[in-house]
Amino acid sequence: MTTYSHSGEALWRLPRVREMTGLGRATIYRRMIAGTFPQRRDLGGNRVGWRRSEVEAWIVSRESKDSASN
């Protein structure tokens, strides 16, 4: 999977985000609209990406919530 950099920040394209989160495309976009998932960044040329640091923080927050509920 390709990782892009924009202003020094690593960006993940949708396939990488799906792989790392285990979420499908529709779920990612639904959660973005609901404000419960990081927003995408326009890369130009009909390409978008997500900041790696934001997605990783989201993953950690989900793991923390899962641990707390057990």
N, C-alpha and C. Protein backbone atom coordinates (compact mmCIF):
# COMPACT_ATOMS: atom_id res chain seq x y z
N MET A 1 0.83 -1.17 0.00
CA MET A 1 0.00 0.00 0.00
C MET A 1 0.89 1.25 0.00
N THR A 2 0.44 2.22 -0.70
CA THR A 2 1.21 3.45 -0.82
C THR A 2 0.84 4.43 0.27
N THR A 3 1.86 5.04 0.85
CA THR A 3 1.68 6.11 1.81
C THR A 3 2.19 7.38 1.17
N TYR A 4 1.39 8.43 1.22
CA TYR A 4 1.77 9.71 0.66
C TYR A 4 2.15 10.65 1.77
N SER A 5 2.83 11.71 1.42
CA SER A 5 3.19 12.73 2.38
C SER A 5 2.68 14.06 1.88
N HIS A 6 2.07 14.81 2.78
CA HIS A 6 1.55 16.13 2.45
C HIS A 6 1.93 17.05 3.60
N SER A 7 2.75 18.04 3.31
CA SER A 7 3.22 18.96 4.35
C SER A 7 3.91 18.22 5.48
N GLY A 8 4.66 17.19 5.14
CA GLY A 8 5.42 16.43 6.12
C GLY A 8 4.61 15.40 6.88
N GLU A 9 3.33 15.31 6.64
CA GLU A 9 2.44 14.36 7.33
C GLU A 9 2.15 13.18 6.42
N ALA A 10 2.31 11.97 6.93
CA ALA A 10 2.01 10.78 6.14
C ALA A 10 0.50 10.67 5.95
N LEU A 11 0.10 10.36 4.73
CA LEU A 11 -1.32 10.19 4.41
C LEU A 11 -1.55 8.79 3.88
N TRP A 12 -2.65 8.20 4.31
CA TRP A 12 -3.03 6.87 3.85
C TRP A 12 -4.19 7.00 2.88
N ARG A 13 -4.12 6.23 1.80
CA ARG A 13 -5.24 6.15 0.86
C ARG A 13 -6.26 5.16 1.42
N LEU A 14 -7.44 5.13 0.82
CA LEU A 14 -8.56 4.34 1.34
C LEU A 14 -8.22 2.86 1.55
N PRO A 15 -7.54 2.18 0.62
CA PRO A 15 -7.25 0.76 0.88
C PRO A 15 -6.47 0.53 2.17
N ARG A 16 -5.53 1.41 2.47
CA ARG A 16 -4.72 1.29 3.70
C ARG A 16 -5.59 1.57 4.92
N VAL A 17 -6.43 2.59 4.84
CA VAL A 17 -7.32 2.92 5.96
C VAL A 17 -8.25 1.74 6.25
N ARG A 18 -8.80 1.15 5.19
CA ARG A 18 -9.67 -0.02 5.37
C ARG A 18 -8.91 -1.17 6.01
N GLU A 19 -7.70 -1.41 5.56
CA GLU A 19 -6.89 -2.51 6.10
C GLU A 19 -6.60 -2.29 7.58
N MET A 20 -6.24 -1.08 7.94
CA MET A 20 -5.84 -0.80 9.32
C MET A 20 -7.03 -0.74 10.29
N THR A 21 -8.19 -0.32 9.81
CA THR A 21 -9.35 -0.18 10.69
C THR A 21 -10.28 -1.36 10.66
N GLY A 22 -10.25 -2.14 9.58
CA GLY A 22 -11.19 -3.23 9.42
C GLY A 22 -12.58 -2.76 9.01
N LEU A 23 -12.70 -1.49 8.65
CA LEU A 23 -13.99 -0.93 8.24
C LEU A 23 -14.11 -0.94 6.72
N GLY A 24 -15.33 -1.01 6.24
CA GLY A 24 -15.60 -0.91 4.81
C GLY A 24 -15.68 0.55 4.40
N ARG A 25 -15.66 0.77 3.10
CA ARG A 25 -15.71 2.12 2.54
C ARG A 25 -16.94 2.89 3.01
N ALA A 26 -18.10 2.27 2.90
CA ALA A 26 -19.33 2.95 3.28
C ALA A 26 -19.34 3.31 4.77
N THR A 27 -18.84 2.43 5.60
CA THR A 27 -18.79 2.69 7.04
C THR A 27 -17.86 3.86 7.35
N ILE A 28 -16.72 3.89 6.69
CA ILE A 28 -15.78 5.00 6.90
C ILE A 28 -16.44 6.32 6.55
N TYR A 29 -17.07 6.39 5.39
CA TYR A 29 -17.71 7.64 4.97
C TYR A 29 -18.89 8.00 5.87
N ARG A 30 -19.66 7.01 6.30
CA ARG A 30 -20.78 7.27 7.21
C ARG A 30 -20.27 7.85 8.53
N ARG A 31 -19.21 7.27 9.05
CA ARG A 31 -18.64 7.75 10.31
C ARG A 31 -18.00 9.13 10.15
N MET A 32 -17.42 9.40 9.00
CA MET A 32 -16.88 10.75 8.74
C MET A 32 -18.01 11.78 8.81
N ILE A 33 -19.13 11.48 8.15
CA ILE A 33 -20.27 12.40 8.15
C ILE A 33 -20.81 12.59 9.56
N ALA A 34 -20.81 11.52 10.35
CA ALA A 34 -21.30 11.59 11.73
C ALA A 34 -20.30 12.28 12.67
N GLY A 35 -19.07 12.48 12.18
CA GLY A 35 -18.05 13.11 13.00
C GLY A 35 -17.35 12.16 13.95
N THR A 36 -17.46 10.85 13.69
CA THR A 36 -16.85 9.86 14.56
C THR A 36 -15.64 9.17 13.93
N PHE A 37 -15.17 9.72 12.82
CA PHE A 37 -13.99 9.19 12.14
C PHE A 37 -13.25 10.38 11.54
N PRO A 38 -11.92 10.31 11.46
CA PRO A 38 -11.15 11.44 10.90
C PRO A 38 -11.60 11.82 9.49
N GLN A 39 -11.52 13.09 9.19
CA GLN A 39 -11.90 13.60 7.88
C GLN A 39 -10.80 13.32 6.86
N ARG A 40 -11.22 13.10 5.64
CA ARG A 40 -10.27 12.87 4.54
C ARG A 40 -9.67 14.22 4.12
N ARG A 41 -8.56 14.13 3.42
CA ARG A 41 -7.88 15.30 2.85
C ARG A 41 -7.86 15.15 1.34
N ASP A 42 -8.18 16.21 0.65
CA ASP A 42 -8.10 16.19 -0.82
C ASP A 42 -6.64 16.26 -1.25
N LEU A 43 -6.25 15.32 -2.11
CA LEU A 43 -4.88 15.28 -2.61
C LEU A 43 -4.78 15.81 -4.03
N GLY A 44 -5.92 16.13 -4.63
CA GLY A 44 -5.95 16.59 -6.02
C GLY A 44 -6.11 15.43 -6.97
N GLY A 45 -6.59 15.73 -8.15
CA GLY A 45 -6.75 14.68 -9.16
C GLY A 45 -7.68 13.57 -8.74
N ASN A 46 -8.78 13.91 -8.07
CA ASN A 46 -9.75 12.93 -7.59
C ASN A 46 -9.17 11.93 -6.59
N ARG A 47 -8.15 12.32 -5.89
CA ARG A 47 -7.54 11.45 -4.88
C ARG A 47 -7.76 12.06 -3.50
N VAL A 48 -7.97 11.21 -2.53
CA VAL A 48 -8.09 11.64 -1.15
C VAL A 48 -7.23 10.75 -0.27
N GLY A 49 -6.91 11.25 0.90
CA GLY A 49 -6.15 10.48 1.86
C GLY A 49 -6.50 10.91 3.27
N TRP A 50 -6.13 10.10 4.23
CA TRP A 50 -6.36 10.38 5.63
C TRP A 50 -5.01 10.52 6.31
N ARG A 51 -4.90 11.46 7.25
CA ARG A 51 -3.66 11.60 8.01
C ARG A 51 -3.44 10.34 8.84
N ARG A 52 -2.28 9.77 8.66
CA ARG A 52 -1.96 8.53 9.38
C ARG A 52 -2.10 8.72 10.88
N SER A 53 -1.60 9.84 11.40
CA SER A 53 -1.64 10.07 12.84
C SER A 53 -3.07 10.13 13.36
N GLU A 54 -3.99 10.70 12.58
CA GLU A 54 -5.39 10.79 13.01
C GLU A 54 -6.06 9.41 13.00
N VAL A 55 -5.77 8.62 11.98
CA VAL A 55 -6.37 7.28 11.91
C VAL A 55 -5.80 6.40 13.02
N GLU A 56 -4.50 6.49 13.26
CA GLU A 56 -3.90 5.69 14.33
C GLU A 56 -4.47 6.10 15.68
N ALA A 57 -4.67 7.40 15.91
CA ALA A 57 -5.27 7.87 17.17
C ALA A 57 -6.70 7.34 17.30
N TRP A 58 -7.43 7.30 16.21
CA TRP A 58 -8.80 6.77 16.22
C TRP A 58 -8.77 5.29 16.60
N ILE A 59 -7.84 4.54 16.03
CA ILE A 59 -7.71 3.11 16.33
C ILE A 59 -7.42 2.91 17.82
N VAL A 60 -6.49 3.68 18.35
CA VAL A 60 -6.13 3.58 19.77
C VAL A 60 -7.33 3.92 20.64
N SER A 61 -8.08 4.94 20.27
CA SER A 61 -9.25 5.33 21.06
C SER A 61 -10.30 4.22 21.06
N ARG A 62 -10.46 3.53 19.93
CA ARG A 62 -11.41 2.42 19.85
C ARG A 62 -10.94 1.25 20.71
N GLU A 63 -9.64 0.99 20.69
CA GLU A 63 -9.09 -0.10 21.51
C GLU A 63 -9.29 0.21 22.99
N SER A 64 -9.11 1.49 23.38
CA SER A 64 -9.31 1.89 24.76
C SER A 64 -10.76 1.71 25.18
N LYS A 65 -11.69 2.08 24.32
CA LYS A 65 -13.12 1.92 24.62
C LYS A 65 -13.47 0.44 24.77
N ASP A 66 -12.90 -0.41 23.89
CA ASP A 66 -13.17 -1.84 23.95
C ASP A 66 -12.63 -2.43 25.25
N SER A 67 -11.44 -1.99 25.69
CA SER A 67 -10.83 -2.49 26.91
C SER A 67 -11.65 -2.08 28.13
N ALA A 68 -12.14 -0.85 28.11
CA ALA A 68 -12.90 -0.33 29.24
C ALA A 68 -14.24 -1.05 29.40
N SER A 69 -14.80 -1.51 28.29
CA SER A 69 -16.11 -2.16 28.37
C SER A 69 -16.01 -3.62 28.79
N ASN A 70 -14.80 -4.18 28.79
CA ASN A 70 -14.63 -5.61 29.16
C ASN A 70 -14.35 -5.75 30.63
